[in-house]
Amino acid sequence: MTHVFFDTNVLIDFLADRKPFSIEAAKLFDYSFKKKVIIYVSAVSYNNIYYILRQSCSHTVTMNILAQLQEWTEAVDVSKEVIRKAIKSDFKDFEDGIQYQCAKTINKIDCIITRDTKDYKSSSLPTLTPKEALTLLDSN
């Protein structure tokens, strides 16, 4: 089984159906639904997703979407240590630093999937675009 960590942008692509990005994100979620991949997400992603989805959906609809996301993924806690490491990291985007440090707390993570791979240049974990991840998963 492959263990992947999703950056918030991939989650929002899927949940908000942001075309054309949602197509690849949906294919990645399909691997999860077929129990071939376990998707991990940072707990901080939930408030960011809520903020974005709430602009076009009601509170109730947005909460239902978040409840589904919780069933489909494994949430990774944002601890004091994660924040400390993110602050001290050389990530230019603080939120990406938090995402990365969350991913690092899970020993099983095979890669981080993001559309912003340039923001993860200093990552010690493999960082793939959704398209690259699909190519890798399709080959297995």
N, C-alpha and C. Protein backbone atom coordinates (compact mmCIF):
# COMPACT_ATOMS: atom_id res chain seq x y z
N MET A 1 0.85 -1.19 0.00
CA MET A 1 0.00 0.00 0.00
C MET A 1 0.89 1.24 0.00
N THR A 2 0.50 2.22 -0.78
CA THR A 2 1.23 3.47 -0.88
C THR A 2 0.62 4.49 0.09
N HIS A 3 1.49 5.22 0.78
CA HIS A 3 1.06 6.23 1.74
C HIS A 3 1.49 7.59 1.20
N VAL A 4 0.50 8.45 0.93
CA VAL A 4 0.78 9.75 0.33
C VAL A 4 0.22 10.86 1.21
N PHE A 5 0.91 11.99 1.17
CA PHE A 5 0.47 13.18 1.90
C PHE A 5 0.03 14.21 0.88
N PHE A 6 -1.21 14.70 1.00
CA PHE A 6 -1.75 15.69 0.07
C PHE A 6 -1.59 17.09 0.61
N ASP A 7 -1.02 17.95 -0.21
CA ASP A 7 -1.00 19.38 0.09
C ASP A 7 -2.44 19.89 -0.06
N THR A 8 -2.73 20.97 0.62
CA THR A 8 -4.08 21.52 0.62
C THR A 8 -4.58 21.84 -0.79
N ASN A 9 -3.70 22.29 -1.69
CA ASN A 9 -4.17 22.68 -3.02
C ASN A 9 -4.78 21.50 -3.78
N VAL A 10 -4.24 20.31 -3.60
CA VAL A 10 -4.79 19.13 -4.27
C VAL A 10 -6.15 18.76 -3.68
N LEU A 11 -6.28 18.90 -2.38
CA LEU A 11 -7.56 18.63 -1.72
C LEU A 11 -8.64 19.59 -2.20
N ILE A 12 -8.29 20.87 -2.27
CA ILE A 12 -9.27 21.87 -2.72
C ILE A 12 -9.61 21.65 -4.19
N ASP A 13 -8.62 21.28 -5.01
CA ASP A 13 -8.91 20.98 -6.41
C ASP A 13 -10.01 19.94 -6.52
N PHE A 14 -9.89 18.89 -5.74
CA PHE A 14 -10.87 17.80 -5.77
C PHE A 14 -12.21 18.23 -5.19
N LEU A 15 -12.20 18.78 -4.00
CA LEU A 15 -13.44 19.09 -3.30
C LEU A 15 -14.22 20.24 -3.94
N ALA A 16 -13.51 21.20 -4.52
CA ALA A 16 -14.18 22.35 -5.16
C ALA A 16 -14.34 22.13 -6.66
N ASP A 17 -13.89 20.98 -7.15
CA ASP A 17 -13.97 20.64 -8.57
C ASP A 17 -13.35 21.74 -9.43
N ARG A 18 -12.12 22.13 -9.08
CA ARG A 18 -11.40 23.15 -9.84
C ARG A 18 -10.78 22.50 -11.08
N LYS A 19 -11.47 22.69 -12.18
CA LYS A 19 -10.99 22.12 -13.45
C LYS A 19 -9.83 22.95 -13.97
N PRO A 20 -8.85 22.39 -14.62
CA PRO A 20 -8.69 20.97 -14.99
C PRO A 20 -8.02 20.15 -13.89
N PHE A 21 -7.61 20.80 -12.80
CA PHE A 21 -6.84 20.12 -11.76
C PHE A 21 -7.63 19.03 -11.03
N SER A 22 -8.94 19.20 -10.96
CA SER A 22 -9.76 18.24 -10.21
C SER A 22 -9.76 16.86 -10.84
N ILE A 23 -9.50 16.78 -12.13
CA ILE A 23 -9.53 15.47 -12.82
C ILE A 23 -8.43 14.56 -12.26
N GLU A 24 -7.21 15.07 -12.19
CA GLU A 24 -6.11 14.27 -11.65
C GLU A 24 -6.31 14.00 -10.15
N ALA A 25 -6.78 14.99 -9.43
CA ALA A 25 -7.02 14.81 -7.99
C ALA A 25 -8.09 13.73 -7.77
N ALA A 26 -9.11 13.71 -8.59
CA ALA A 26 -10.17 12.69 -8.47
C ALA A 26 -9.60 11.30 -8.75
N LYS A 27 -8.72 11.20 -9.71
CA LYS A 27 -8.10 9.90 -10.00
C LYS A 27 -7.26 9.42 -8.82
N LEU A 28 -6.59 10.35 -8.16
CA LEU A 28 -5.81 9.99 -6.98
C LEU A 28 -6.73 9.52 -5.85
N PHE A 29 -7.85 10.21 -5.65
CA PHE A 29 -8.80 9.78 -4.63
C PHE A 29 -9.38 8.42 -4.97
N ASP A 30 -9.55 8.14 -6.26
CA ASP A 30 -10.07 6.84 -6.69
C ASP A 30 -9.14 5.71 -6.23
N TYR A 31 -7.83 5.93 -6.28
CA TYR A 31 -6.88 4.95 -5.76
C TYR A 31 -7.13 4.71 -4.27
N SER A 32 -7.45 5.75 -3.55
CA SER A 32 -7.75 5.63 -2.13
C SER A 32 -9.04 4.83 -1.92
N PHE A 33 -10.08 5.16 -2.70
CA PHE A 33 -11.35 4.46 -2.57
C PHE A 33 -11.20 2.97 -2.87
N LYS A 34 -10.24 2.63 -3.74
CA LYS A 34 -9.97 1.23 -4.09
C LYS A 34 -8.98 0.58 -3.14
N LYS A 35 -8.63 1.28 -2.06
CA LYS A 35 -7.73 0.79 -1.00
C LYS A 35 -6.33 0.48 -1.52
N LYS A 36 -5.87 1.24 -2.52
CA LYS A 36 -4.52 1.08 -3.03
C LYS A 36 -3.59 2.15 -2.49
N VAL A 37 -4.18 3.20 -1.94
CA VAL A 37 -3.43 4.34 -1.42
C VAL A 37 -4.10 4.80 -0.13
N ILE A 38 -3.28 5.21 0.82
CA ILE A 38 -3.80 5.89 2.01
C ILE A 38 -3.37 7.35 1.90
N ILE A 39 -4.34 8.24 1.99
CA ILE A 39 -4.09 9.67 1.88
C ILE A 39 -4.05 10.29 3.28
N TYR A 40 -2.98 11.02 3.54
CA TYR A 40 -2.82 11.76 4.79
C TYR A 40 -2.94 13.25 4.48
N VAL A 41 -3.55 13.97 5.40
CA VAL A 41 -3.69 15.42 5.25
C VAL A 41 -3.40 16.09 6.59
N SER A 42 -2.89 17.27 6.52
CA SER A 42 -2.63 18.04 7.73
C SER A 42 -3.96 18.55 8.30
N ALA A 43 -4.06 18.53 9.60
CA ALA A 43 -5.26 19.05 10.24
C ALA A 43 -5.49 20.51 9.89
N VAL A 44 -4.42 21.26 9.62
CA VAL A 44 -4.56 22.67 9.26
C VAL A 44 -5.26 22.83 7.91
N SER A 45 -5.23 21.80 7.08
CA SER A 45 -5.91 21.88 5.78
C SER A 45 -7.41 22.07 5.93
N TYR A 46 -7.98 21.54 7.00
CA TYR A 46 -9.43 21.63 7.17
C TYR A 46 -9.92 23.07 7.24
N ASN A 47 -9.23 23.92 8.01
CA ASN A 47 -9.70 25.31 8.10
C ASN A 47 -9.47 26.05 6.79
N ASN A 48 -8.39 25.72 6.07
CA ASN A 48 -8.15 26.35 4.76
C ASN A 48 -9.20 25.92 3.74
N ILE A 49 -9.54 24.65 3.77
CA ILE A 49 -10.58 24.14 2.86
C ILE A 49 -11.92 24.78 3.20
N TYR A 50 -12.23 24.86 4.48
CA TYR A 50 -13.49 25.49 4.89
C TYR A 50 -13.58 26.91 4.35
N TYR A 51 -12.52 27.66 4.52
CA TYR A 51 -12.49 29.05 4.08
C TYR A 51 -12.77 29.16 2.58
N ILE A 52 -12.14 28.31 1.78
CA ILE A 52 -12.31 28.37 0.32
C ILE A 52 -13.70 27.90 -0.09
N LEU A 53 -14.13 26.75 0.42
CA LEU A 53 -15.43 26.20 0.02
C LEU A 53 -16.59 27.05 0.50
N ARG A 54 -16.41 27.69 1.63
CA ARG A 54 -17.48 28.51 2.21
C ARG A 54 -17.82 29.72 1.33
N GLN A 55 -16.92 30.08 0.46
CA GLN A 55 -17.18 31.19 -0.46
C GLN A 55 -18.24 30.84 -1.51
N SER A 56 -18.43 29.53 -1.75
CA SER A 56 -19.40 29.14 -2.77
C SER A 56 -20.46 28.15 -2.25
N CYS A 57 -20.31 27.69 -1.02
CA CYS A 57 -21.26 26.73 -0.44
C CYS A 57 -21.74 27.22 0.92
N SER A 58 -22.87 26.71 1.32
CA SER A 58 -23.37 27.04 2.66
C SER A 58 -22.51 26.37 3.72
N HIS A 59 -22.67 26.83 4.94
CA HIS A 59 -21.94 26.23 6.07
C HIS A 59 -22.26 24.74 6.15
N THR A 60 -23.53 24.37 6.04
CA THR A 60 -23.94 22.98 6.17
C THR A 60 -23.33 22.11 5.08
N VAL A 61 -23.36 22.58 3.85
CA VAL A 61 -22.78 21.82 2.74
C VAL A 61 -21.27 21.67 2.94
N THR A 62 -20.62 22.76 3.34
CA THR A 62 -19.18 22.72 3.56
C THR A 62 -18.82 21.74 4.67
N MET A 63 -19.58 21.74 5.75
CA MET A 63 -19.31 20.81 6.84
C MET A 63 -19.52 19.36 6.41
N ASN A 64 -20.51 19.12 5.57
CA ASN A 64 -20.73 17.76 5.04
C ASN A 64 -19.55 17.32 4.17
N ILE A 65 -19.01 18.23 3.39
CA ILE A 65 -17.83 17.92 2.57
C ILE A 65 -16.64 17.59 3.45
N LEU A 66 -16.44 18.38 4.50
CA LEU A 66 -15.34 18.12 5.43
C LEU A 66 -15.52 16.78 6.16
N ALA A 67 -16.75 16.44 6.47
CA ALA A 67 -17.02 15.15 7.12
C ALA A 67 -16.66 14.00 6.18
N GLN A 68 -16.97 14.15 4.91
CA GLN A 68 -16.59 13.12 3.93
C GLN A 68 -15.07 13.03 3.82
N LEU A 69 -14.42 14.18 3.75
CA LEU A 69 -12.96 14.19 3.66
C LEU A 69 -12.35 13.45 4.85
N GLN A 70 -12.91 13.65 6.02
CA GLN A 70 -12.41 12.99 7.23
C GLN A 70 -12.53 11.47 7.10
N GLU A 71 -13.58 10.99 6.45
CA GLU A 71 -13.76 9.54 6.26
C GLU A 71 -12.78 8.99 5.23
N TRP A 72 -12.40 9.79 4.25
CA TRP A 72 -11.57 9.33 3.14
C TRP A 72 -10.08 9.43 3.42
N THR A 73 -9.68 10.16 4.44
CA THR A 73 -8.27 10.45 4.66
C THR A 73 -7.88 10.23 6.13
N GLU A 74 -6.60 10.32 6.37
CA GLU A 74 -6.07 10.28 7.73
C GLU A 74 -5.54 11.68 8.06
N ALA A 75 -6.09 12.29 9.09
CA ALA A 75 -5.66 13.62 9.49
C ALA A 75 -4.41 13.52 10.35
N VAL A 76 -3.46 14.42 10.10
CA VAL A 76 -2.21 14.47 10.85
C VAL A 76 -2.25 15.71 11.73
N ASP A 77 -2.02 15.51 13.02
CA ASP A 77 -2.07 16.62 13.98
C ASP A 77 -0.97 17.66 13.72
N VAL A 78 -1.32 18.89 14.00
CA VAL A 78 -0.36 19.99 13.96
C VAL A 78 0.02 20.27 15.41
N SER A 79 1.19 19.83 15.77
CA SER A 79 1.64 19.94 17.16
C SER A 79 2.53 21.18 17.34
N LYS A 80 2.84 21.43 18.57
CA LYS A 80 3.77 22.51 18.91
C LYS A 80 5.12 22.26 18.23
N GLU A 81 5.55 21.01 18.21
CA GLU A 81 6.83 20.65 17.58
C GLU A 81 6.79 20.86 16.06
N VAL A 82 5.66 20.54 15.44
CA VAL A 82 5.50 20.78 14.00
C VAL A 82 5.63 22.27 13.71
N ILE A 83 4.97 23.09 14.51
CA ILE A 83 5.03 24.54 14.33
C ILE A 83 6.46 25.04 14.53
N ARG A 84 7.11 24.56 15.57
CA ARG A 84 8.49 24.98 15.86
C ARG A 84 9.40 24.66 14.67
N LYS A 85 9.29 23.46 14.16
CA LYS A 85 10.13 23.06 13.03
C LYS A 85 9.78 23.85 11.77
N ALA A 86 8.49 24.13 11.55
CA ALA A 86 8.08 24.91 10.38
C ALA A 86 8.64 26.33 10.46
N ILE A 87 8.63 26.91 11.65
CA ILE A 87 9.17 28.27 11.83
C ILE A 87 10.67 28.28 11.53
N LYS A 88 11.37 27.25 11.96
CA LYS A 88 12.82 27.19 11.78
C LYS A 88 13.23 26.68 10.39
N SER A 89 12.28 26.19 9.62
CA SER A 89 12.62 25.63 8.31
C SER A 89 12.94 26.74 7.31
N ASP A 90 13.48 26.33 6.19
CA ASP A 90 13.77 27.31 5.15
C ASP A 90 12.67 27.39 4.09
N PHE A 91 11.47 26.91 4.44
CA PHE A 91 10.33 27.04 3.53
C PHE A 91 9.93 28.51 3.46
N LYS A 92 9.78 29.01 2.26
CA LYS A 92 9.39 30.42 2.08
C LYS A 92 7.90 30.62 2.40
N ASP A 93 7.09 29.57 2.18
CA ASP A 93 5.66 29.62 2.48
C ASP A 93 5.46 28.87 3.80
N PHE A 94 5.05 29.59 4.83
CA PHE A 94 4.90 28.99 6.16
C PHE A 94 3.93 27.83 6.17
N GLU A 95 2.80 27.98 5.46
CA GLU A 95 1.82 26.89 5.43
C GLU A 95 2.41 25.64 4.82
N ASP A 96 3.22 25.77 3.77
CA ASP A 96 3.89 24.61 3.17
C ASP A 96 4.88 24.00 4.17
N GLY A 97 5.52 24.84 4.96
CA GLY A 97 6.42 24.34 6.00
C GLY A 97 5.66 23.49 7.01
N ILE A 98 4.47 23.93 7.37
CA ILE A 98 3.62 23.16 8.29
C ILE A 98 3.23 21.83 7.64
N GLN A 99 2.80 21.91 6.38
CA GLN A 99 2.41 20.69 5.65
C GLN A 99 3.57 19.69 5.66
N TYR A 100 4.75 20.18 5.30
CA TYR A 100 5.93 19.32 5.22
C TYR A 100 6.26 18.69 6.57
N GLN A 101 6.25 19.51 7.61
CA GLN A 101 6.58 18.99 8.94
C GLN A 101 5.54 17.98 9.41
N CYS A 102 4.28 18.17 9.05
CA CYS A 102 3.25 17.18 9.37
C CYS A 102 3.54 15.87 8.65
N ALA A 103 3.87 15.97 7.38
CA ALA A 103 4.17 14.76 6.60
C ALA A 103 5.35 14.01 7.21
N LYS A 104 6.33 14.74 7.70
CA LYS A 104 7.52 14.12 8.28
C LYS A 104 7.21 13.34 9.57
N THR A 105 6.10 13.64 10.22
CA THR A 105 5.76 12.93 11.46
C THR A 105 5.24 11.51 11.19
N ILE A 106 4.89 11.23 9.94
CA ILE A 106 4.37 9.91 9.57
C ILE A 106 5.47 9.15 8.85
N ASN A 107 6.02 8.13 9.49
CA ASN A 107 7.15 7.39 8.92
C ASN A 107 6.80 6.65 7.63
N LYS A 108 5.52 6.38 7.41
CA LYS A 108 5.10 5.60 6.25
C LYS A 108 4.97 6.42 4.97
N ILE A 109 5.06 7.74 5.06
CA ILE A 109 4.80 8.59 3.89
C ILE A 109 5.81 8.29 2.78
N ASP A 110 5.28 7.95 1.61
CA ASP A 110 6.12 7.69 0.43
C ASP A 110 6.42 8.97 -0.34
N CYS A 111 5.47 9.91 -0.33
CA CYS A 111 5.67 11.16 -1.06
C CYS A 111 4.64 12.20 -0.64
N ILE A 112 4.96 13.44 -0.99
CA ILE A 112 4.02 14.55 -0.84
C ILE A 112 3.50 14.86 -2.24
N ILE A 113 2.19 15.04 -2.36
CA ILE A 113 1.59 15.38 -3.64
C ILE A 113 1.07 16.80 -3.57
N THR A 114 1.57 17.63 -4.49
CA THR A 114 1.23 19.05 -4.52
C THR A 114 1.34 19.57 -5.93
N ARG A 115 0.61 20.63 -6.23
CA ARG A 115 0.80 21.30 -7.52
C ARG A 115 1.94 22.30 -7.44
N ASP A 116 2.41 22.60 -6.24
CA ASP A 116 3.45 23.61 -6.04
C ASP A 116 4.77 22.95 -5.63
N THR A 117 5.30 22.09 -6.47
CA THR A 117 6.53 21.38 -6.11
C THR A 117 7.70 22.32 -5.88
N LYS A 118 7.69 23.48 -6.53
CA LYS A 118 8.79 24.44 -6.34
C LYS A 118 8.86 24.92 -4.90
N ASP A 119 7.74 24.90 -4.19
CA ASP A 119 7.72 25.32 -2.79
C ASP A 119 8.29 24.27 -1.86
N TYR A 120 8.55 23.08 -2.38
CA TYR A 120 9.07 21.98 -1.56
C TYR A 120 10.49 21.59 -1.97
N LYS A 121 11.25 22.55 -2.48
CA LYS A 121 12.61 22.27 -2.94
C LYS A 121 13.50 21.69 -1.85
N SER A 122 13.29 22.09 -0.61
CA SER A 122 14.14 21.61 0.47
C SER A 122 13.58 20.35 1.14
N SER A 123 12.56 19.75 0.55
CA SER A 123 11.95 18.56 1.13
C SER A 123 12.88 17.34 1.01
N SER A 124 12.98 16.60 2.09
CA SER A 124 13.71 15.33 2.04
C SER A 124 12.81 14.19 1.57
N LEU A 125 11.51 14.46 1.52
CA LEU A 125 10.55 13.49 1.00
C LEU A 125 10.35 13.75 -0.49
N PRO A 126 10.16 12.69 -1.28
CA PRO A 126 9.84 12.91 -2.69
C PRO A 126 8.58 13.77 -2.81
N THR A 127 8.61 14.73 -3.69
CA THR A 127 7.48 15.64 -3.90
C THR A 127 7.07 15.53 -5.35
N LEU A 128 5.81 15.16 -5.56
CA LEU A 128 5.31 14.90 -6.90
C LEU A 128 4.09 15.75 -7.20
N THR A 129 3.93 16.09 -8.47
CA THR A 129 2.67 16.69 -8.91
C THR A 129 1.64 15.58 -8.98
N PRO A 130 0.35 15.92 -9.02
CA PRO A 130 -0.65 14.87 -9.18
C PRO A 130 -0.41 14.02 -10.44
N LYS A 131 -0.02 14.66 -11.52
CA LYS A 131 0.25 13.91 -12.76
C LYS A 131 1.40 12.93 -12.57
N GLU A 132 2.47 13.37 -11.94
CA GLU A 132 3.62 12.49 -11.68
C GLU A 132 3.21 11.32 -10.76
N ALA A 133 2.40 11.61 -9.75
CA ALA A 133 1.94 10.57 -8.82
C ALA A 133 1.09 9.55 -9.57
N LEU A 134 0.22 10.01 -10.44
CA LEU A 134 -0.61 9.09 -11.21
C LEU A 134 0.24 8.20 -12.11
N THR A 135 1.24 8.77 -12.74
CA THR A 135 2.14 7.98 -13.59
C THR A 135 2.81 6.89 -12.77
N LEU A 136 3.28 7.24 -11.58
CA LEU A 136 3.92 6.28 -10.70
C LEU A 136 2.94 5.20 -10.24
N LEU A 137 1.76 5.60 -9.81
CA LEU A 137 0.76 4.64 -9.34
C LEU A 137 0.25 3.74 -10.47
N ASP A 138 0.07 4.32 -11.64
CA ASP A 138 -0.38 3.53 -12.78
C ASP A 138 0.63 2.47 -13.19
N SER A 139 1.92 2.73 -12.96
CA SER A 139 2.96 1.79 -13.34
C SER A 139 3.09 0.64 -12.34
N ASN A 140 2.52 0.80 -11.16
CA ASN A 140 2.62 -0.27 -10.14
C ASN A 140 1.51 -1.24 -10.30
